[in-house]
Amino acid sequence: MKKESRTPEEKLMDKISSDAQKKIDARKKGKEIMFGLGIFGIVGFSIAIPTLLGILLGSYLDGRTESSISFTMTFLFLGLVIGCINAWRWVKETSEGKK
């Protein structure tokens, strides 16, 4: 018969250690996923809010003035550009801080 070099206690300790490491790894991955979703949401809002504000301001100005220029489209574009710049800066600062 072949004698095992490891005791049942050692096997149990290895199993517990392995399970604990798996839980730690799963938590780290879960945090990374939540961090990514958080960034996705913040980037979306940082673009959507200025764009919607631009539409509201443009619509208000279109209603108050008689002009051949569409303020709604102008401020929509301006809000979109401002939102994209804001999101780009935020992502850049966040990724530099994570390194």
N, C-alpha and C. Protein backbone atom coordinates (compact mmCIF):
# COMPACT_ATOMS: atom_id res chain seq x y z
N MET A 1 0.82 -1.18 0.00
CA MET A 1 0.00 0.00 0.00
C MET A 1 0.87 1.24 0.00
N LYS A 2 0.31 2.26 -0.61
CA LYS A 2 1.03 3.52 -0.71
C LYS A 2 0.61 4.42 0.44
N LYS A 3 1.59 4.94 1.13
CA LYS A 3 1.33 5.82 2.25
C LYS A 3 1.28 7.27 1.79
N GLU A 4 0.24 8.00 2.22
CA GLU A 4 0.13 9.41 1.85
C GLU A 4 1.02 10.24 2.75
N SER A 5 1.66 11.22 2.14
CA SER A 5 2.57 12.06 2.91
C SER A 5 1.83 13.20 3.61
N ARG A 6 0.59 13.45 3.20
CA ARG A 6 -0.16 14.55 3.80
C ARG A 6 -1.26 14.03 4.70
N THR A 7 -1.41 14.71 5.81
CA THR A 7 -2.45 14.31 6.75
C THR A 7 -3.79 14.91 6.33
N PRO A 8 -4.88 14.38 6.84
CA PRO A 8 -6.20 14.95 6.51
C PRO A 8 -6.31 16.42 6.93
N GLU A 9 -5.64 16.78 8.02
CA GLU A 9 -5.68 18.18 8.47
C GLU A 9 -5.00 19.09 7.44
N GLU A 10 -3.90 18.64 6.88
CA GLU A 10 -3.19 19.43 5.87
C GLU A 10 -4.04 19.57 4.60
N LYS A 11 -4.70 18.49 4.22
CA LYS A 11 -5.59 18.56 3.05
C LYS A 11 -6.73 19.54 3.29
N LEU A 12 -7.28 19.51 4.50
CA LEU A 12 -8.36 20.43 4.85
C LEU A 12 -7.88 21.88 4.81
N MET A 13 -6.70 22.13 5.35
CA MET A 13 -6.14 23.48 5.34
C MET A 13 -5.90 23.97 3.91
N ASP A 14 -5.42 23.09 3.05
CA ASP A 14 -5.23 23.47 1.64
C ASP A 14 -6.56 23.79 0.97
N LYS A 15 -7.57 23.00 1.25
CA LYS A 15 -8.90 23.23 0.67
C LYS A 15 -9.47 24.57 1.15
N ILE A 16 -9.34 24.85 2.45
CA ILE A 16 -9.84 26.12 2.99
C ILE A 16 -9.08 27.29 2.39
N SER A 17 -7.77 27.16 2.27
CA SER A 17 -6.95 28.22 1.69
C SER A 17 -7.32 28.47 0.23
N SER A 18 -7.54 27.40 -0.51
CA SER A 18 -7.94 27.52 -1.91
C SER A 18 -9.30 28.20 -2.04
N ASP A 19 -10.26 27.81 -1.21
CA ASP A 19 -11.59 28.42 -1.24
C ASP A 19 -11.53 29.90 -0.87
N ALA A 20 -10.72 30.22 0.12
CA ALA A 20 -10.59 31.62 0.54
C ALA A 20 -9.99 32.47 -0.57
N GLN A 21 -8.99 31.93 -1.26
CA GLN A 21 -8.37 32.66 -2.36
C GLN A 21 -9.36 32.87 -3.50
N LYS A 22 -10.19 31.88 -3.77
CA LYS A 22 -11.21 32.02 -4.81
C LYS A 22 -12.21 33.12 -4.47
N LYS A 23 -12.58 33.21 -3.18
CA LYS A 23 -13.51 34.26 -2.75
C LYS A 23 -12.87 35.63 -2.88
N ILE A 24 -11.61 35.74 -2.52
CA ILE A 24 -10.90 37.01 -2.64
C ILE A 24 -10.83 37.44 -4.10
N ASP A 25 -10.49 36.51 -4.98
CA ASP A 25 -10.42 36.82 -6.41
C ASP A 25 -11.78 37.23 -6.97
N ALA A 26 -12.83 36.56 -6.54
CA ALA A 26 -14.18 36.89 -7.01
C ALA A 26 -14.59 38.28 -6.55
N ARG A 27 -14.22 38.65 -5.35
CA ARG A 27 -14.54 40.00 -4.85
C ARG A 27 -13.80 41.06 -5.65
N LYS A 28 -12.53 40.79 -5.96
CA LYS A 28 -11.76 41.75 -6.76
C LYS A 28 -12.39 41.92 -8.13
N LYS A 29 -12.77 40.83 -8.77
CA LYS A 29 -13.39 40.91 -10.08
C LYS A 29 -14.73 41.62 -10.00
N GLY A 30 -15.49 41.38 -8.97
CA GLY A 30 -16.77 42.04 -8.78
C GLY A 30 -16.60 43.54 -8.62
N LYS A 31 -15.59 43.95 -7.89
CA LYS A 31 -15.32 45.37 -7.71
C LYS A 31 -14.91 46.00 -9.03
N GLU A 32 -14.13 45.30 -9.83
CA GLU A 32 -13.73 45.83 -11.13
C GLU A 32 -14.93 46.01 -12.05
N ILE A 33 -15.85 45.06 -12.01
CA ILE A 33 -17.05 45.16 -12.83
C ILE A 33 -17.90 46.34 -12.38
N MET A 34 -18.09 46.47 -11.07
CA MET A 34 -18.89 47.58 -10.55
C MET A 34 -18.21 48.91 -10.84
N PHE A 35 -16.88 48.95 -10.75
CA PHE A 35 -16.15 50.18 -11.07
C PHE A 35 -16.36 50.55 -12.53
N GLY A 36 -16.30 49.56 -13.41
CA GLY A 36 -16.52 49.81 -14.84
C GLY A 36 -17.93 50.30 -15.12
N LEU A 37 -18.91 49.69 -14.46
CA LEU A 37 -20.29 50.14 -14.64
C LEU A 37 -20.49 51.55 -14.08
N GLY A 38 -19.82 51.84 -12.98
CA GLY A 38 -19.90 53.18 -12.41
C GLY A 38 -19.33 54.22 -13.35
N ILE A 39 -18.19 53.92 -13.94
CA ILE A 39 -17.59 54.84 -14.90
C ILE A 39 -18.51 55.01 -16.10
N PHE A 40 -19.08 53.92 -16.57
CA PHE A 40 -20.00 53.98 -17.70
C PHE A 40 -21.17 54.91 -17.40
N GLY A 41 -21.73 54.81 -16.20
CA GLY A 41 -22.86 55.66 -15.81
C GLY A 41 -22.46 57.12 -15.68
N ILE A 42 -21.32 57.37 -15.06
CA ILE A 42 -20.86 58.75 -14.87
C ILE A 42 -20.55 59.39 -16.21
N VAL A 43 -19.90 58.64 -17.09
CA VAL A 43 -19.60 59.18 -18.42
C VAL A 43 -20.89 59.49 -19.17
N GLY A 44 -21.87 58.61 -19.07
CA GLY A 44 -23.15 58.84 -19.73
C GLY A 44 -23.84 60.09 -19.23
N PHE A 45 -23.86 60.25 -17.90
CA PHE A 45 -24.49 61.44 -17.34
C PHE A 45 -23.70 62.70 -17.64
N SER A 46 -22.37 62.61 -17.67
CA SER A 46 -21.58 63.80 -17.94
C SER A 46 -21.74 64.27 -19.38
N ILE A 47 -22.19 63.40 -20.25
CA ILE A 47 -22.50 63.80 -21.63
C ILE A 47 -23.97 64.20 -21.75
N ALA A 48 -24.85 63.44 -21.13
CA ALA A 48 -26.30 63.67 -21.28
C ALA A 48 -26.76 64.98 -20.64
N ILE A 49 -26.25 65.31 -19.46
CA ILE A 49 -26.72 66.50 -18.74
C ILE A 49 -26.43 67.79 -19.53
N PRO A 50 -25.18 68.03 -19.97
CA PRO A 50 -24.95 69.25 -20.75
C PRO A 50 -25.73 69.27 -22.08
N THR A 51 -25.91 68.10 -22.68
CA THR A 51 -26.67 68.04 -23.92
C THR A 51 -28.12 68.42 -23.68
N LEU A 52 -28.73 67.88 -22.64
CA LEU A 52 -30.12 68.22 -22.32
C LEU A 52 -30.26 69.68 -21.92
N LEU A 53 -29.31 70.19 -21.17
CA LEU A 53 -29.34 71.61 -20.81
C LEU A 53 -29.23 72.49 -22.06
N GLY A 54 -28.40 72.07 -23.00
CA GLY A 54 -28.28 72.80 -24.26
C GLY A 54 -29.58 72.79 -25.04
N ILE A 55 -30.26 71.66 -25.06
CA ILE A 55 -31.55 71.57 -25.76
C ILE A 55 -32.57 72.48 -25.08
N LEU A 56 -32.62 72.45 -23.75
CA LEU A 56 -33.57 73.31 -23.03
C LEU A 56 -33.31 74.79 -23.29
N LEU A 57 -32.04 75.19 -23.20
CA LEU A 57 -31.70 76.59 -23.44
C LEU A 57 -32.01 76.99 -24.88
N GLY A 58 -31.66 76.12 -25.82
CA GLY A 58 -31.93 76.42 -27.24
C GLY A 58 -33.42 76.50 -27.52
N SER A 59 -34.18 75.61 -26.94
CA SER A 59 -35.63 75.63 -27.14
C SER A 59 -36.24 76.91 -26.55
N TYR A 60 -35.76 77.30 -25.40
CA TYR A 60 -36.23 78.54 -24.77
C TYR A 60 -35.92 79.74 -25.67
N LEU A 61 -34.68 79.80 -26.16
CA LEU A 61 -34.29 80.92 -27.03
C LEU A 61 -35.04 80.91 -28.35
N ASP A 62 -35.31 79.73 -28.90
CA ASP A 62 -36.10 79.63 -30.15
C ASP A 62 -37.51 80.17 -29.93
N GLY A 63 -38.07 79.92 -28.77
CA GLY A 63 -39.42 80.40 -28.47
C GLY A 63 -39.48 81.90 -28.22
N ARG A 64 -38.37 82.47 -27.75
CA ARG A 64 -38.35 83.89 -27.40
C ARG A 64 -37.92 84.79 -28.56
N THR A 65 -37.24 84.25 -29.54
CA THR A 65 -36.72 85.08 -30.64
C THR A 65 -37.24 84.58 -31.98
N GLU A 66 -37.24 85.48 -32.92
CA GLU A 66 -37.58 85.15 -34.31
C GLU A 66 -36.29 85.22 -35.11
N SER A 67 -35.62 84.08 -35.22
CA SER A 67 -34.33 84.05 -35.90
C SER A 67 -34.29 82.89 -36.89
N SER A 68 -33.47 83.06 -37.91
CA SER A 68 -33.32 81.98 -38.89
C SER A 68 -32.38 80.89 -38.37
N ILE A 69 -31.67 81.20 -37.30
CA ILE A 69 -30.75 80.23 -36.68
C ILE A 69 -31.53 79.38 -35.69
N SER A 70 -31.32 78.08 -35.74
CA SER A 70 -31.94 77.19 -34.77
C SER A 70 -31.06 77.11 -33.53
N PHE A 71 -31.50 77.80 -32.49
CA PHE A 71 -30.73 77.77 -31.25
C PHE A 71 -30.74 76.38 -30.62
N THR A 72 -31.82 75.65 -30.83
CA THR A 72 -31.91 74.30 -30.25
C THR A 72 -30.80 73.41 -30.80
N MET A 73 -30.62 73.42 -32.10
CA MET A 73 -29.57 72.59 -32.71
C MET A 73 -28.18 73.10 -32.33
N THR A 74 -28.03 74.41 -32.28
CA THR A 74 -26.73 74.99 -31.94
C THR A 74 -26.33 74.60 -30.52
N PHE A 75 -27.25 74.79 -29.56
CA PHE A 75 -26.91 74.47 -28.18
C PHE A 75 -26.89 72.97 -27.91
N LEU A 76 -27.63 72.20 -28.70
CA LEU A 76 -27.52 70.74 -28.60
C LEU A 76 -26.10 70.32 -28.94
N PHE A 77 -25.59 70.82 -30.04
CA PHE A 77 -24.22 70.49 -30.46
C PHE A 77 -23.21 70.99 -29.44
N LEU A 78 -23.38 72.22 -28.97
CA LEU A 78 -22.47 72.79 -27.99
C LEU A 78 -22.50 71.97 -26.68
N GLY A 79 -23.68 71.59 -26.21
CA GLY A 79 -23.79 70.76 -25.01
C GLY A 79 -23.15 69.40 -25.18
N LEU A 80 -23.29 68.83 -26.36
CA LEU A 80 -22.68 67.54 -26.65
C LEU A 80 -21.16 67.64 -26.62
N VAL A 81 -20.63 68.68 -27.23
CA VAL A 81 -19.17 68.88 -27.23
C VAL A 81 -18.66 69.09 -25.81
N ILE A 82 -19.32 69.94 -25.05
CA ILE A 82 -18.91 70.19 -23.66
C ILE A 82 -18.98 68.90 -22.84
N GLY A 83 -20.04 68.13 -23.03
CA GLY A 83 -20.19 66.87 -22.30
C GLY A 83 -19.10 65.87 -22.65
N CYS A 84 -18.76 65.77 -23.92
CA CYS A 84 -17.70 64.83 -24.34
C CYS A 84 -16.34 65.25 -23.80
N ILE A 85 -16.06 66.54 -23.81
CA ILE A 85 -14.79 67.02 -23.24
C ILE A 85 -14.75 66.74 -21.75
N ASN A 86 -15.86 67.00 -21.07
CA ASN A 86 -15.94 66.74 -19.63
C ASN A 86 -15.73 65.26 -19.34
N ALA A 87 -16.38 64.39 -20.09
CA ALA A 87 -16.23 62.94 -19.88
C ALA A 87 -14.81 62.49 -20.16
N TRP A 88 -14.22 63.01 -21.22
CA TRP A 88 -12.85 62.64 -21.57
C TRP A 88 -11.89 63.04 -20.46
N ARG A 89 -12.04 64.26 -19.92
CA ARG A 89 -11.18 64.71 -18.83
C ARG A 89 -11.36 63.84 -17.59
N TRP A 90 -12.61 63.49 -17.28
CA TRP A 90 -12.88 62.70 -16.09
C TRP A 90 -12.27 61.30 -16.22
N VAL A 91 -12.44 60.67 -17.37
CA VAL A 91 -11.87 59.33 -17.59
C VAL A 91 -10.35 59.39 -17.55
N LYS A 92 -9.78 60.42 -18.13
CA LYS A 92 -8.31 60.57 -18.14
C LYS A 92 -7.79 60.71 -16.71
N GLU A 93 -8.42 61.56 -15.90
CA GLU A 93 -7.99 61.74 -14.51
C GLU A 93 -8.18 60.47 -13.70
N THR A 94 -9.27 59.75 -13.93
CA THR A 94 -9.54 58.52 -13.19
C THR A 94 -8.52 57.44 -13.57
N SER A 95 -8.20 57.31 -14.84
CA SER A 95 -7.26 56.27 -15.26
C SER A 95 -5.85 56.59 -14.80
N GLU A 96 -5.49 57.87 -14.72
CA GLU A 96 -4.16 58.24 -14.22
C GLU A 96 -4.05 57.98 -12.72
N GLY A 97 -5.13 58.19 -12.01
CA GLY A 97 -5.13 57.95 -10.57
C GLY A 97 -5.12 56.49 -10.20
N LYS A 98 -5.55 55.62 -11.12
CA LYS A 98 -5.62 54.18 -10.86
C LYS A 98 -4.27 53.50 -11.06
N LYS A 99 -3.36 54.12 -11.76
CA LYS A 99 -2.06 53.50 -12.05
C LYS A 99 -1.19 53.40 -10.84
